[in-house]
Amino acid sequence: MTRADLVISPQVYTHGEVGPDATAYAVGKLEAALHHAPGPVLRTSLTLDAAAPGDRVDAHVDVNGVGLHVHAVGESLQEATDLMQDRLRSRLRRIRRRPQQGPDTPKQ
């Protein structure tokens, strides 16, 4: 398993009434998921939307030139954040399993 040692802090966008605790929780979950990235994380952004029908969390990530977008809707921002983290980890595992579809890995 490869671990990305450097995780870039995401740009965070909010819509509606999103408290600082919800923002910090979402950033922590995103950064935890990115520690499983199979390459360097070049850019991240996170959108928390409490104004949408259901609370929605979107994450956009660039892993060594491969763009990933995941989103989740839940009854609370915490639930949506947990779902987003699960989906992002799944996408990162898929890139690791199928390197021809993801970032180039250095040959040793």
Protein backbone atom coordinates (compact mmCIF):
# COMPACT_ATOMS: atom_id res chain seq x y z
CA MET A 1 0.00 0.00 0.00
CA THR A 2 1.32 3.39 -0.98
CA ARG A 3 0.84 6.32 1.36
CA ALA A 4 0.92 9.89 0.17
CA ASP A 5 3.10 11.76 2.66
CA LEU A 6 2.05 15.20 1.52
CA VAL A 7 -1.65 16.02 1.45
CA ILE A 8 -2.57 19.47 0.19
CA SER A 9 -5.17 21.33 2.23
CA PRO A 10 -8.36 21.55 0.19
CA GLN A 11 -10.08 24.69 -0.97
CA VAL A 12 -13.39 24.63 0.89
CA TYR A 13 -16.63 26.09 -0.45
CA THR A 14 -19.85 26.21 1.54
CA HIS A 15 -23.48 26.88 0.68
CA GLY A 16 -26.17 27.43 3.27
CA GLU A 17 -25.62 27.21 7.00
CA VAL A 18 -22.46 25.14 7.42
CA GLY A 19 -20.79 25.39 10.81
CA PRO A 20 -17.04 25.31 11.44
CA ASP A 21 -17.32 21.89 13.11
CA ALA A 22 -18.89 20.38 9.97
CA THR A 23 -16.19 21.97 7.83
CA ALA A 24 -13.37 20.67 10.03
CA TYR A 25 -14.94 17.19 10.10
CA ALA A 26 -15.19 17.08 6.30
CA VAL A 27 -11.61 18.33 5.79
CA GLY A 28 -10.32 15.70 8.23
CA LYS A 29 -12.19 12.89 6.47
CA LEU A 30 -10.99 14.05 3.04
CA GLU A 31 -7.37 14.24 4.21
CA ALA A 32 -7.62 10.80 5.83
CA ALA A 33 -8.88 9.29 2.58
CA LEU A 34 -6.11 10.97 0.58
CA HIS A 35 -3.44 9.22 2.63
CA HIS A 36 -4.36 6.18 0.49
CA ALA A 37 -3.69 7.97 -2.81
CA PRO A 38 -1.45 5.97 -5.16
CA GLY A 39 0.40 9.11 -6.28
CA PRO A 40 0.98 12.72 -5.36
CA VAL A 41 -2.14 14.76 -4.64
CA LEU A 42 -1.82 17.91 -6.73
CA ARG A 43 -5.10 19.69 -5.94
CA THR A 44 -8.19 19.20 -3.80
CA SER A 45 -11.45 21.04 -3.29
CA LEU A 46 -14.40 20.33 -1.08
CA THR A 47 -17.93 21.71 -1.29
CA LEU A 48 -20.36 21.43 1.60
CA ASP A 49 -23.94 22.30 0.67
CA ALA A 50 -26.52 22.54 3.44
CA ALA A 51 -28.92 24.45 1.16
CA ALA A 52 -29.51 21.53 -1.24
CA PRO A 53 -32.33 19.03 -0.72
CA GLY A 54 -30.49 16.76 1.71
CA ASP A 55 -27.03 17.78 2.81
CA ARG A 56 -24.46 17.29 0.05
CA VAL A 57 -20.67 16.98 0.06
CA ASP A 58 -18.57 17.07 -3.13
CA ALA A 59 -14.86 16.38 -3.39
CA HIS A 60 -12.67 17.10 -6.42
CA VAL A 61 -9.19 15.62 -6.30
CA ASP A 62 -6.26 15.57 -8.74
CA VAL A 63 -4.02 12.56 -8.08
CA ASN A 64 -0.93 12.83 -10.26
CA GLY A 65 -2.95 14.22 -13.16
CA VAL A 66 -6.00 11.98 -12.76
CA GLY A 67 -9.12 13.89 -11.77
CA LEU A 68 -11.57 12.30 -9.37
CA HIS A 69 -14.97 13.65 -8.37
CA VAL A 70 -17.16 12.09 -5.73
CA HIS A 71 -20.30 13.37 -4.08
CA ALA A 72 -22.70 12.15 -1.48
CA VAL A 73 -26.03 13.22 -0.04
CA GLY A 74 -27.12 12.45 3.49
CA GLU A 75 -29.59 13.48 6.16
CA SER A 76 -26.78 15.46 7.81
CA LEU A 77 -23.46 16.87 6.65
CA GLN A 78 -21.71 14.30 8.83
CA GLU A 79 -23.52 11.43 7.11
CA ALA A 80 -22.81 12.90 3.67
CA THR A 81 -19.14 13.38 4.62
CA ASP A 82 -18.80 9.76 5.74
CA LEU A 83 -20.34 8.55 2.48
CA MET A 84 -18.02 10.84 0.48
CA GLN A 85 -14.99 9.43 2.29
CA ASP A 86 -16.07 5.83 1.56
CA ARG A 87 -16.61 6.61 -2.12
CA LEU A 88 -13.30 8.45 -2.45
CA ARG A 89 -11.38 5.57 -0.85
CA SER A 90 -13.09 3.18 -3.27
CA ARG A 91 -12.07 5.29 -6.26
CA LEU A 92 -8.48 5.54 -4.99
CA ARG A 93 -8.33 1.73 -4.57
CA ARG A 94 -9.60 1.31 -8.12
CA ILE A 95 -6.80 3.53 -9.45
CA ARG A 96 -4.25 1.51 -7.49
CA ARG A 97 -5.61 -1.82 -8.82
CA ARG A 98 -5.74 -0.61 -12.42
CA PRO A 99 -2.68 1.58 -12.90
CA GLN A 100 -3.21 1.75 -16.67
CA GLN A 101 -6.35 3.78 -15.92
CA GLY A 102 -4.72 6.00 -13.34
CA PRO A 103 -1.50 7.88 -12.66
CA ASP A 104 1.86 6.56 -13.78
CA THR A 105 3.76 4.81 -11.02
CA PRO A 106 7.55 5.14 -10.91
CA LYS A 107 9.45 2.01 -11.85
CA GLN A 108 12.09 0.84 -9.40
